[in-house]
N, C-alpha and C. Protein backbone atom coordinates (compact mmCIF):
# COMPACT_ATOMS: atom_id res chain seq x y z
N UNK A 1 43.72 32.84 -10.48
CA UNK A 1 43.44 31.50 -11.09
C UNK A 1 44.72 30.66 -11.15
N UNK A 2 45.83 31.29 -11.55
CA UNK A 2 47.08 30.56 -11.66
C UNK A 2 47.57 30.04 -10.30
N UNK A 3 47.55 30.79 -9.22
CA UNK A 3 48.01 30.23 -7.97
C UNK A 3 47.15 29.04 -7.48
N UNK A 4 45.90 29.10 -7.73
CA UNK A 4 45.04 27.95 -7.35
C UNK A 4 45.42 26.71 -8.19
N UNK A 5 45.64 26.88 -9.47
CA UNK A 5 46.07 25.76 -10.33
C UNK A 5 47.42 25.18 -9.85
N UNK A 6 48.38 26.06 -9.51
CA UNK A 6 49.70 25.58 -9.07
C UNK A 6 49.51 24.87 -7.70
N UNK A 7 48.68 25.40 -6.77
CA UNK A 7 48.47 24.70 -5.53
C UNK A 7 47.85 23.33 -5.75
N UNK A 8 46.91 23.27 -6.71
CA UNK A 8 46.25 21.99 -6.96
C UNK A 8 47.34 21.01 -7.54
N UNK A 9 48.21 21.51 -8.41
CA UNK A 9 49.27 20.69 -8.97
C UNK A 9 50.16 20.15 -7.88
N UNK A 10 50.56 21.00 -6.95
CA UNK A 10 51.46 20.59 -5.87
C UNK A 10 50.77 19.55 -4.97
N UNK A 11 49.52 19.78 -4.69
CA UNK A 11 48.78 18.79 -3.87
C UNK A 11 48.65 17.45 -4.59
N UNK A 12 48.34 17.49 -5.91
CA UNK A 12 48.22 16.27 -6.66
C UNK A 12 49.57 15.51 -6.77
N UNK A 13 50.69 16.26 -6.79
CA UNK A 13 51.96 15.65 -6.84
C UNK A 13 52.22 14.86 -5.51
N UNK A 14 51.82 15.44 -4.41
CA UNK A 14 51.91 14.72 -3.11
C UNK A 14 51.08 13.43 -3.13
N UNK A 15 49.87 13.50 -3.65
CA UNK A 15 49.01 12.33 -3.71
C UNK A 15 49.67 11.29 -4.60
N UNK A 16 50.24 11.68 -5.75
CA UNK A 16 50.88 10.81 -6.67
C UNK A 16 52.10 10.11 -5.99
N UNK A 17 52.89 10.89 -5.26
CA UNK A 17 54.03 10.28 -4.61
C UNK A 17 53.56 9.25 -3.57
N UNK A 18 52.51 9.52 -2.90
CA UNK A 18 51.96 8.55 -1.92
C UNK A 18 51.53 7.31 -2.64
N UNK A 19 50.84 7.44 -3.84
CA UNK A 19 50.39 6.30 -4.55
C UNK A 19 51.57 5.48 -5.07
N UNK A 20 52.60 6.15 -5.54
CA UNK A 20 53.79 5.42 -6.10
C UNK A 20 54.44 4.60 -4.97
N UNK A 21 54.49 5.14 -3.79
CA UNK A 21 55.09 4.44 -2.64
C UNK A 21 54.28 3.18 -2.33
N UNK A 22 52.94 3.35 -2.30
CA UNK A 22 52.11 2.23 -1.98
C UNK A 22 52.19 1.13 -3.09
N UNK A 23 52.23 1.53 -4.37
CA UNK A 23 52.36 0.53 -5.42
C UNK A 23 53.74 -0.14 -5.38
N UNK A 24 54.77 0.59 -4.93
CA UNK A 24 56.05 -0.03 -4.82
C UNK A 24 56.11 -1.16 -3.76
N UNK A 25 55.37 -0.93 -2.66
CA UNK A 25 55.26 -1.97 -1.61
C UNK A 25 54.52 -3.12 -2.09
N UNK A 26 53.40 -2.91 -2.83
CA UNK A 26 52.60 -4.04 -3.34
C UNK A 26 53.41 -4.80 -4.34
N UNK A 27 54.20 -4.13 -5.17
CA UNK A 27 55.04 -4.78 -6.16
C UNK A 27 56.09 -5.68 -5.48
N UNK A 28 56.68 -5.17 -4.39
CA UNK A 28 57.68 -5.95 -3.64
C UNK A 28 57.03 -7.15 -3.00
N UNK A 29 55.83 -7.05 -2.58
CA UNK A 29 55.14 -8.23 -2.01
C UNK A 29 54.82 -9.25 -3.04
N UNK A 30 54.40 -8.81 -4.25
CA UNK A 30 54.12 -9.72 -5.32
C UNK A 30 55.38 -10.46 -5.80
N UNK A 31 56.48 -9.77 -5.81
CA UNK A 31 57.77 -10.35 -6.29
C UNK A 31 58.13 -11.54 -5.40
N UNK A 32 57.89 -11.44 -4.12
CA UNK A 32 58.27 -12.59 -3.27
C UNK A 32 57.43 -13.79 -3.54
N UNK A 33 56.16 -13.60 -3.85
CA UNK A 33 55.29 -14.75 -4.15
C UNK A 33 55.60 -15.35 -5.50
N UNK A 34 56.00 -14.52 -6.52
CA UNK A 34 56.24 -15.01 -7.83
C UNK A 34 57.59 -15.72 -7.91
N UNK A 35 58.55 -15.25 -7.11
CA UNK A 35 59.89 -15.80 -7.16
C UNK A 35 60.06 -17.18 -6.51
N UNK A 36 59.11 -17.67 -5.83
CA UNK A 36 59.23 -18.97 -5.15
C UNK A 36 59.11 -20.06 -6.18
N UNK A 37 59.90 -21.11 -6.01
CA UNK A 37 59.91 -22.26 -6.93
C UNK A 37 59.48 -23.50 -6.19
N UNK A 38 58.74 -24.36 -6.90
CA UNK A 38 58.37 -25.65 -6.28
C UNK A 38 59.45 -26.65 -6.58
N UNK A 39 59.84 -27.43 -5.58
CA UNK A 39 60.92 -28.41 -5.76
C UNK A 39 60.35 -29.67 -6.42
N UNK A 40 61.21 -30.45 -7.07
CA UNK A 40 60.77 -31.70 -7.65
C UNK A 40 60.43 -32.63 -6.52
N UNK A 41 59.32 -33.41 -6.70
CA UNK A 41 58.85 -34.32 -5.65
C UNK A 41 59.13 -35.76 -6.08
N UNK A 42 59.93 -36.53 -5.31
CA UNK A 42 60.31 -37.85 -5.79
C UNK A 42 59.35 -38.94 -5.51
N UNK A 43 58.49 -38.88 -4.51
CA UNK A 43 57.54 -39.97 -4.21
C UNK A 43 56.12 -39.55 -4.30
N UNK A 44 55.21 -40.57 -4.38
CA UNK A 44 53.77 -40.36 -4.50
C UNK A 44 53.26 -39.67 -3.17
N UNK A 45 53.71 -40.13 -2.04
CA UNK A 45 53.28 -39.57 -0.75
C UNK A 45 53.70 -38.15 -0.58
N UNK A 46 54.96 -37.91 -1.01
CA UNK A 46 55.49 -36.56 -0.95
C UNK A 46 54.73 -35.66 -1.86
N UNK A 47 54.32 -36.22 -3.05
CA UNK A 47 53.55 -35.47 -4.04
C UNK A 47 52.24 -35.04 -3.41
N UNK A 48 51.55 -35.95 -2.74
CA UNK A 48 50.30 -35.62 -2.08
C UNK A 48 50.45 -34.56 -1.05
N UNK A 49 51.50 -34.71 -0.27
CA UNK A 49 51.75 -33.74 0.85
C UNK A 49 52.14 -32.41 0.25
N UNK A 50 52.93 -32.40 -0.84
CA UNK A 50 53.30 -31.17 -1.48
C UNK A 50 52.13 -30.44 -2.14
N UNK A 51 51.24 -31.25 -2.74
CA UNK A 51 50.03 -30.67 -3.37
C UNK A 51 49.17 -30.00 -2.34
N UNK A 52 49.06 -30.67 -1.17
CA UNK A 52 48.23 -30.06 -0.09
C UNK A 52 48.83 -28.77 0.42
N UNK A 53 50.16 -28.71 0.45
CA UNK A 53 50.88 -27.50 0.98
C UNK A 53 50.74 -26.39 -0.04
N UNK A 54 50.79 -26.77 -1.38
CA UNK A 54 50.72 -25.71 -2.40
C UNK A 54 49.35 -25.13 -2.52
N UNK A 55 48.36 -25.91 -2.13
CA UNK A 55 46.98 -25.45 -2.22
C UNK A 55 46.69 -24.29 -1.24
N UNK A 56 47.36 -24.28 -0.14
CA UNK A 56 47.17 -23.19 0.85
C UNK A 56 48.18 -22.05 0.51
N UNK A 57 47.69 -20.86 0.24
CA UNK A 57 48.64 -19.74 -0.05
C UNK A 57 49.50 -19.37 1.10
N UNK A 58 50.68 -18.98 0.84
CA UNK A 58 51.61 -18.58 1.91
C UNK A 58 51.13 -17.37 2.63
N UNK A 59 50.60 -16.38 1.89
CA UNK A 59 50.06 -15.17 2.46
C UNK A 59 48.66 -15.00 1.94
N UNK A 60 47.69 -15.25 2.76
CA UNK A 60 46.30 -15.05 2.26
C UNK A 60 46.05 -13.60 1.81
N UNK A 61 45.21 -13.43 0.84
CA UNK A 61 45.02 -12.10 0.32
C UNK A 61 44.40 -11.09 1.34
N UNK A 62 43.71 -11.61 2.34
CA UNK A 62 43.10 -10.75 3.32
C UNK A 62 44.07 -10.36 4.48
N UNK A 63 45.30 -10.84 4.35
CA UNK A 63 46.26 -10.55 5.40
C UNK A 63 46.50 -9.10 5.44
N UNK A 64 46.57 -8.54 6.72
CA UNK A 64 46.75 -7.06 6.85
C UNK A 64 48.21 -6.76 6.69
N UNK A 65 48.45 -5.51 6.24
CA UNK A 65 49.78 -5.05 6.08
C UNK A 65 50.38 -4.81 7.45
N UNK A 66 51.65 -5.03 7.54
CA UNK A 66 52.34 -4.86 8.84
C UNK A 66 52.48 -3.39 9.16
N UNK A 67 52.80 -3.10 10.34
CA UNK A 67 52.98 -1.73 10.78
C UNK A 67 54.03 -1.01 9.99
N UNK A 68 55.16 -1.77 9.73
CA UNK A 68 56.27 -1.17 8.98
C UNK A 68 55.88 -0.81 7.56
N UNK A 69 54.95 -1.56 6.98
CA UNK A 69 54.49 -1.26 5.61
C UNK A 69 53.54 -0.10 5.54
N UNK A 70 52.86 0.20 6.66
CA UNK A 70 51.93 1.30 6.74
C UNK A 70 52.57 2.66 6.98
N UNK A 71 53.77 2.65 7.62
CA UNK A 71 54.44 3.88 8.02
C UNK A 71 54.78 4.83 6.85
N UNK A 72 55.25 4.35 5.73
CA UNK A 72 55.48 5.32 4.61
C UNK A 72 54.12 6.01 4.18
N UNK A 73 53.06 5.26 4.15
CA UNK A 73 51.77 5.86 3.78
C UNK A 73 51.38 6.91 4.77
N UNK A 74 51.62 6.66 6.06
CA UNK A 74 51.32 7.66 7.14
C UNK A 74 52.20 8.90 6.87
N UNK A 75 53.46 8.68 6.53
CA UNK A 75 54.36 9.82 6.28
C UNK A 75 53.85 10.70 5.13
N UNK A 76 53.50 10.06 3.99
CA UNK A 76 52.98 10.79 2.84
C UNK A 76 51.69 11.46 3.17
N UNK A 77 50.83 10.75 3.91
CA UNK A 77 49.52 11.35 4.33
C UNK A 77 49.74 12.55 5.20
N UNK A 78 50.68 12.51 6.15
CA UNK A 78 50.99 13.63 6.99
C UNK A 78 51.48 14.83 6.20
N UNK A 79 52.35 14.60 5.20
CA UNK A 79 52.85 15.66 4.32
C UNK A 79 51.71 16.30 3.57
N UNK A 80 50.87 15.47 2.96
CA UNK A 80 49.71 15.99 2.20
C UNK A 80 48.73 16.65 3.10
N UNK A 81 48.49 16.16 4.26
CA UNK A 81 47.59 16.81 5.16
C UNK A 81 48.05 18.18 5.65
N UNK A 82 49.36 18.21 5.98
CA UNK A 82 49.92 19.51 6.40
C UNK A 82 49.91 20.54 5.31
N UNK A 83 50.21 20.11 4.09
CA UNK A 83 50.12 21.03 2.98
C UNK A 83 48.74 21.49 2.70
N UNK A 84 47.79 20.56 2.75
CA UNK A 84 46.40 20.88 2.57
C UNK A 84 45.88 21.87 3.63
N UNK A 85 46.26 21.60 4.89
CA UNK A 85 45.88 22.52 5.98
C UNK A 85 46.49 23.89 5.81
N UNK A 86 47.74 23.96 5.33
CA UNK A 86 48.34 25.26 5.11
C UNK A 86 47.62 26.03 4.01
N UNK A 87 47.16 25.29 2.98
CA UNK A 87 46.43 25.95 1.84
C UNK A 87 45.10 26.46 2.33
N UNK A 88 44.44 25.68 3.10
CA UNK A 88 43.08 26.01 3.58
C UNK A 88 43.09 27.07 4.70
N UNK A 89 43.97 26.88 5.63
CA UNK A 89 43.96 27.76 6.83
C UNK A 89 44.87 29.02 6.72
N UNK A 90 45.74 29.04 5.70
CA UNK A 90 46.64 30.18 5.52
C UNK A 90 47.42 30.52 6.80
N UNK A 91 48.07 29.50 7.39
CA UNK A 91 48.74 29.66 8.67
C UNK A 91 49.96 30.49 8.66
N UNK A 92 50.62 30.63 7.50
CA UNK A 92 51.89 31.37 7.43
C UNK A 92 51.88 32.32 6.25
N UNK A 93 51.08 33.36 6.25
CA UNK A 93 51.01 34.27 5.11
C UNK A 93 52.28 35.04 4.91
N UNK A 94 52.64 35.31 3.70
CA UNK A 94 53.82 36.09 3.32
C UNK A 94 53.38 37.02 2.17
N UNK A 95 53.31 38.36 2.45
CA UNK A 95 52.87 39.30 1.46
C UNK A 95 53.93 39.64 0.42
N UNK A 96 55.13 39.22 0.64
CA UNK A 96 56.20 39.57 -0.32
C UNK A 96 56.59 41.04 -0.22
N UNK A 97 57.00 41.61 -1.35
CA UNK A 97 57.32 43.08 -1.37
C UNK A 97 58.73 43.36 -0.94
N UNK A 98 59.52 42.38 -0.77
CA UNK A 98 60.93 42.62 -0.38
C UNK A 98 61.82 41.94 -1.42
N UNK A 99 63.11 42.33 -1.41
CA UNK A 99 64.07 41.73 -2.32
C UNK A 99 64.44 40.34 -1.82
N UNK A 100 63.95 39.35 -2.62
CA UNK A 100 64.22 37.98 -2.26
C UNK A 100 65.47 37.46 -3.00
N UNK A 101 66.21 36.66 -2.30
CA UNK A 101 67.41 36.07 -2.89
C UNK A 101 67.94 35.05 -1.87
N UNK A 102 69.16 34.56 -2.21
CA UNK A 102 69.81 33.55 -1.31
C UNK A 102 70.27 34.25 -0.04
N UNK A 103 70.41 35.55 -0.07
CA UNK A 103 70.89 36.23 1.14
C UNK A 103 69.79 37.25 1.59
N UNK A 104 68.54 36.82 1.62
CA UNK A 104 67.45 37.70 2.04
C UNK A 104 67.74 38.13 3.49
N UNK A 105 67.55 39.45 3.72
CA UNK A 105 67.87 40.05 5.02
C UNK A 105 66.76 39.62 6.04
N UNK A 106 67.12 38.69 6.87
CA UNK A 106 66.27 38.21 7.96
C UNK A 106 67.08 38.08 9.23
N UNK A 107 66.42 37.82 10.30
CA UNK A 107 67.09 37.59 11.53
C UNK A 107 67.70 36.20 11.72
N UNK A 108 67.42 35.37 10.76
CA UNK A 108 67.95 33.96 10.79
C UNK A 108 68.28 33.60 9.36
N UNK A 109 69.10 32.57 9.16
CA UNK A 109 69.46 32.17 7.83
C UNK A 109 68.29 31.37 7.16
N UNK A 110 67.37 32.08 6.51
CA UNK A 110 66.13 31.56 6.00
C UNK A 110 66.33 30.39 5.07
N UNK A 111 67.15 30.50 4.12
CA UNK A 111 67.37 29.38 3.12
C UNK A 111 67.96 28.21 3.73
N UNK A 112 68.90 28.38 4.70
CA UNK A 112 69.51 27.27 5.39
C UNK A 112 68.48 26.51 6.25
N UNK A 113 67.58 27.29 6.85
CA UNK A 113 66.51 26.69 7.63
C UNK A 113 65.60 25.83 6.74
N UNK A 114 65.29 26.36 5.52
CA UNK A 114 64.50 25.58 4.57
C UNK A 114 65.19 24.28 4.22
N UNK A 115 66.49 24.39 3.89
CA UNK A 115 67.21 23.17 3.46
C UNK A 115 67.32 22.15 4.60
N UNK A 116 67.66 22.62 5.77
CA UNK A 116 67.80 21.71 6.90
C UNK A 116 66.45 21.09 7.35
N UNK A 117 65.37 21.85 7.22
CA UNK A 117 64.08 21.26 7.57
C UNK A 117 63.67 20.22 6.57
N UNK A 118 63.95 20.49 5.27
CA UNK A 118 63.62 19.49 4.24
C UNK A 118 64.50 18.25 4.40
N UNK A 119 65.76 18.41 4.79
CA UNK A 119 66.69 17.32 5.07
C UNK A 119 66.12 16.46 6.24
N UNK A 120 65.72 17.13 7.30
CA UNK A 120 65.21 16.37 8.44
C UNK A 120 63.90 15.67 8.11
N UNK A 121 62.95 16.32 7.41
CA UNK A 121 61.71 15.67 7.13
C UNK A 121 61.93 14.53 6.15
N UNK A 122 62.78 14.62 5.18
CA UNK A 122 63.13 13.53 4.30
C UNK A 122 63.76 12.36 5.06
N UNK A 123 64.62 12.66 5.96
CA UNK A 123 65.22 11.62 6.80
C UNK A 123 64.24 10.90 7.63
N UNK A 124 63.22 11.63 8.18
CA UNK A 124 62.21 10.98 9.00
C UNK A 124 61.38 10.03 8.08
N UNK A 125 61.09 10.48 6.81
CA UNK A 125 60.37 9.61 5.91
C UNK A 125 61.13 8.35 5.59
N UNK A 126 62.47 8.41 5.39
CA UNK A 126 63.27 7.26 5.15
C UNK A 126 63.31 6.38 6.39
N UNK A 127 63.43 6.97 7.54
CA UNK A 127 63.40 6.17 8.79
C UNK A 127 62.03 5.41 8.93
N UNK A 128 60.97 5.99 8.45
CA UNK A 128 59.69 5.33 8.52
C UNK A 128 59.48 4.29 7.43
N UNK A 129 60.49 4.18 6.56
CA UNK A 129 60.37 3.08 5.56
C UNK A 129 60.15 3.54 4.10
N UNK A 130 60.05 4.83 3.90
CA UNK A 130 59.85 5.34 2.53
C UNK A 130 61.22 5.27 1.75
N UNK A 131 61.14 5.04 0.54
CA UNK A 131 62.35 5.02 -0.31
C UNK A 131 62.87 6.46 -0.37
N UNK A 132 64.24 6.62 -0.30
CA UNK A 132 64.77 7.99 -0.28
C UNK A 132 64.29 8.87 -1.39
N UNK A 133 64.28 8.35 -2.61
CA UNK A 133 63.86 9.14 -3.76
C UNK A 133 62.40 9.56 -3.63
N UNK A 134 61.54 8.68 -3.23
CA UNK A 134 60.10 8.99 -3.07
C UNK A 134 59.90 10.03 -1.94
N UNK A 135 60.64 9.85 -0.84
CA UNK A 135 60.51 10.78 0.24
C UNK A 135 60.99 12.20 -0.17
N UNK A 136 62.07 12.26 -0.97
CA UNK A 136 62.59 13.54 -1.42
C UNK A 136 61.56 14.23 -2.35
N UNK A 137 61.01 13.49 -3.26
CA UNK A 137 60.01 14.05 -4.19
C UNK A 137 58.85 14.60 -3.36
N UNK A 138 58.37 13.80 -2.43
CA UNK A 138 57.22 14.25 -1.61
C UNK A 138 57.52 15.47 -0.83
N UNK A 139 58.71 15.52 -0.21
CA UNK A 139 59.07 16.71 0.62
C UNK A 139 59.24 17.91 -0.27
N UNK A 140 59.83 17.79 -1.46
CA UNK A 140 60.00 18.89 -2.35
C UNK A 140 58.62 19.41 -2.83
N UNK A 141 57.72 18.47 -3.11
CA UNK A 141 56.35 18.85 -3.50
C UNK A 141 55.60 19.58 -2.34
N UNK A 142 55.82 19.05 -1.14
CA UNK A 142 55.16 19.67 0.06
C UNK A 142 55.72 21.06 0.31
N UNK A 143 57.05 21.24 0.15
CA UNK A 143 57.65 22.53 0.32
C UNK A 143 57.15 23.52 -0.70
N UNK A 144 56.94 23.09 -1.95
CA UNK A 144 56.37 23.91 -2.98
C UNK A 144 54.94 24.31 -2.63
N UNK A 145 54.17 23.34 -2.15
CA UNK A 145 52.78 23.61 -1.79
C UNK A 145 52.76 24.61 -0.63
N UNK A 146 53.67 24.47 0.35
CA UNK A 146 53.67 25.46 1.48
C UNK A 146 53.98 26.86 0.96
N UNK A 147 54.91 26.95 0.03
CA UNK A 147 55.24 28.27 -0.56
C UNK A 147 54.03 28.90 -1.21
N UNK A 148 53.32 28.12 -2.00
CA UNK A 148 52.11 28.65 -2.66
C UNK A 148 51.04 28.99 -1.68
N UNK A 149 50.98 28.25 -0.56
CA UNK A 149 49.95 28.55 0.44
C UNK A 149 50.20 29.84 1.13
N UNK A 150 51.47 30.32 1.17
CA UNK A 150 51.84 31.56 1.80
C UNK A 150 51.34 32.75 1.07
N UNK A 151 51.19 32.65 -0.23
CA UNK A 151 50.69 33.76 -1.06
C UNK A 151 51.83 34.32 -1.92
N UNK A 152 53.00 34.47 -1.33
CA UNK A 152 54.15 34.90 -2.11
C UNK A 152 55.10 33.68 -2.27
N UNK A 153 55.37 33.34 -3.50
CA UNK A 153 56.23 32.14 -3.77
C UNK A 153 57.68 32.58 -4.01
N UNK A 154 58.54 32.16 -3.11
CA UNK A 154 59.96 32.41 -3.23
C UNK A 154 60.64 31.24 -3.93
N UNK A 155 61.07 31.43 -5.14
CA UNK A 155 61.70 30.35 -5.89
C UNK A 155 62.99 29.90 -5.09
N UNK A 156 63.61 30.79 -4.37
CA UNK A 156 64.79 30.46 -3.56
C UNK A 156 64.39 29.49 -2.43
N UNK A 157 63.30 29.74 -1.78
CA UNK A 157 62.81 28.82 -0.76
C UNK A 157 62.51 27.50 -1.27
N UNK A 158 61.82 27.45 -2.44
CA UNK A 158 61.48 26.18 -3.08
C UNK A 158 62.76 25.40 -3.45
N UNK A 159 63.76 26.12 -3.97
CA UNK A 159 64.99 25.53 -4.35
C UNK A 159 65.71 25.01 -3.14
N UNK A 160 65.73 25.77 -2.03
CA UNK A 160 66.38 25.28 -0.81
C UNK A 160 65.70 24.05 -0.25
N UNK A 161 64.36 24.04 -0.34
CA UNK A 161 63.63 22.83 0.10
C UNK A 161 64.07 21.60 -0.71
N UNK A 162 64.02 21.76 -2.02
CA UNK A 162 64.39 20.62 -2.89
C UNK A 162 65.86 20.22 -2.73
N UNK A 163 66.74 21.15 -2.57
CA UNK A 163 68.15 20.87 -2.36
C UNK A 163 68.31 20.04 -1.05
N UNK A 164 67.65 20.53 0.00
CA UNK A 164 67.78 19.77 1.29
C UNK A 164 67.21 18.39 1.15
N UNK A 165 66.05 18.21 0.50
CA UNK A 165 65.42 16.89 0.38
C UNK A 165 66.29 15.98 -0.47
N UNK A 166 66.83 16.53 -1.59
CA UNK A 166 67.68 15.72 -2.45
C UNK A 166 68.96 15.33 -1.76
N UNK A 167 69.54 16.26 -1.01
CA UNK A 167 70.77 15.95 -0.29
C UNK A 167 70.51 14.83 0.74
N UNK A 168 69.40 14.83 1.41
CA UNK A 168 69.09 13.80 2.43
C UNK A 168 68.90 12.43 1.72
N UNK A 169 68.19 12.49 0.56
CA UNK A 169 67.98 11.22 -0.17
C UNK A 169 69.27 10.62 -0.71
N UNK A 170 70.18 11.49 -1.22
CA UNK A 170 71.47 10.99 -1.68
C UNK A 170 72.28 10.49 -0.53
N UNK A 171 72.29 11.17 0.58
CA UNK A 171 73.07 10.73 1.78
C UNK A 171 72.56 9.39 2.32
N UNK A 172 71.25 9.28 2.43
CA UNK A 172 70.70 8.02 3.01
C UNK A 172 70.88 6.88 2.02
N UNK A 173 70.80 7.14 0.69
CA UNK A 173 71.08 6.04 -0.28
C UNK A 173 72.52 5.61 -0.23
N UNK A 174 73.43 6.58 -0.14
CA UNK A 174 74.82 6.24 -0.11
C UNK A 174 75.17 5.44 1.16
N UNK A 175 74.59 5.88 2.33
CA UNK A 175 74.80 5.17 3.60
C UNK A 175 74.28 3.71 3.53
N UNK A 176 73.12 3.54 2.94
CA UNK A 176 72.52 2.21 2.81
C UNK A 176 73.40 1.31 1.94
N UNK A 177 73.87 1.87 0.80
CA UNK A 177 74.72 1.06 -0.08
C UNK A 177 76.04 0.73 0.65
N UNK A 178 76.57 1.66 1.34
CA UNK A 178 77.83 1.38 2.08
C UNK A 178 77.64 0.31 3.18
N UNK A 179 76.53 0.41 3.85
CA UNK A 179 76.25 -0.62 4.91
C UNK A 179 76.05 -2.01 4.24
N UNK A 180 75.38 -2.04 3.09
CA UNK A 180 75.16 -3.24 2.40
C UNK A 180 76.47 -3.91 1.92
N UNK A 181 77.38 -3.08 1.44
CA UNK A 181 78.68 -3.60 1.01
C UNK A 181 79.53 -4.10 2.16
N UNK A 182 79.40 -3.46 3.30
CA UNK A 182 80.21 -3.85 4.47
C UNK A 182 79.64 -4.98 5.27
N UNK A 183 78.39 -5.43 4.97
CA UNK A 183 77.76 -6.49 5.72
C UNK A 183 78.50 -7.82 5.43
N UNK A 184 78.69 -8.61 6.47
CA UNK A 184 79.33 -9.94 6.26
C UNK A 184 78.45 -10.86 5.40
N UNK A 185 79.07 -11.57 4.56
CA UNK A 185 78.30 -12.50 3.67
C UNK A 185 78.32 -13.86 4.13
């Protein structure tokens, strides 16, 4: 019962991250419409022309979202779909029964692979337009969901996933702030 509840929690956290990203886009769009100011109109003719222009909204409500605005939602949907498929199809079972740790005896550096994969997936999400923090939360939740889908949950794998996602988010945020400071004004 407990693993099913934890899997459900991990899946719901992915859905929540997707919803937060969509509401952030909607909020950014509303802010541009609210922040516009009407200029003082000096003449009667200009007042009539200005009133006619203000009557027509700048962005009609039925306007479709641009491709760039849809990409983060596609990213979050792909993460949630992959985690859901892993839960349903059990594509990577892990029976456990071994001594798990940061130095688990494998043919490859398992925890480094987890961290680097999470870094890469988070970076892809940021490249697609997701905010670094939201992308990191979603990737950490997806990594947790994948671990629960395997059957044996390695807390070290979950930690490596979250460390990689957080590292990518911090790196991408720092790079964006640095680029913004260096931009000519």
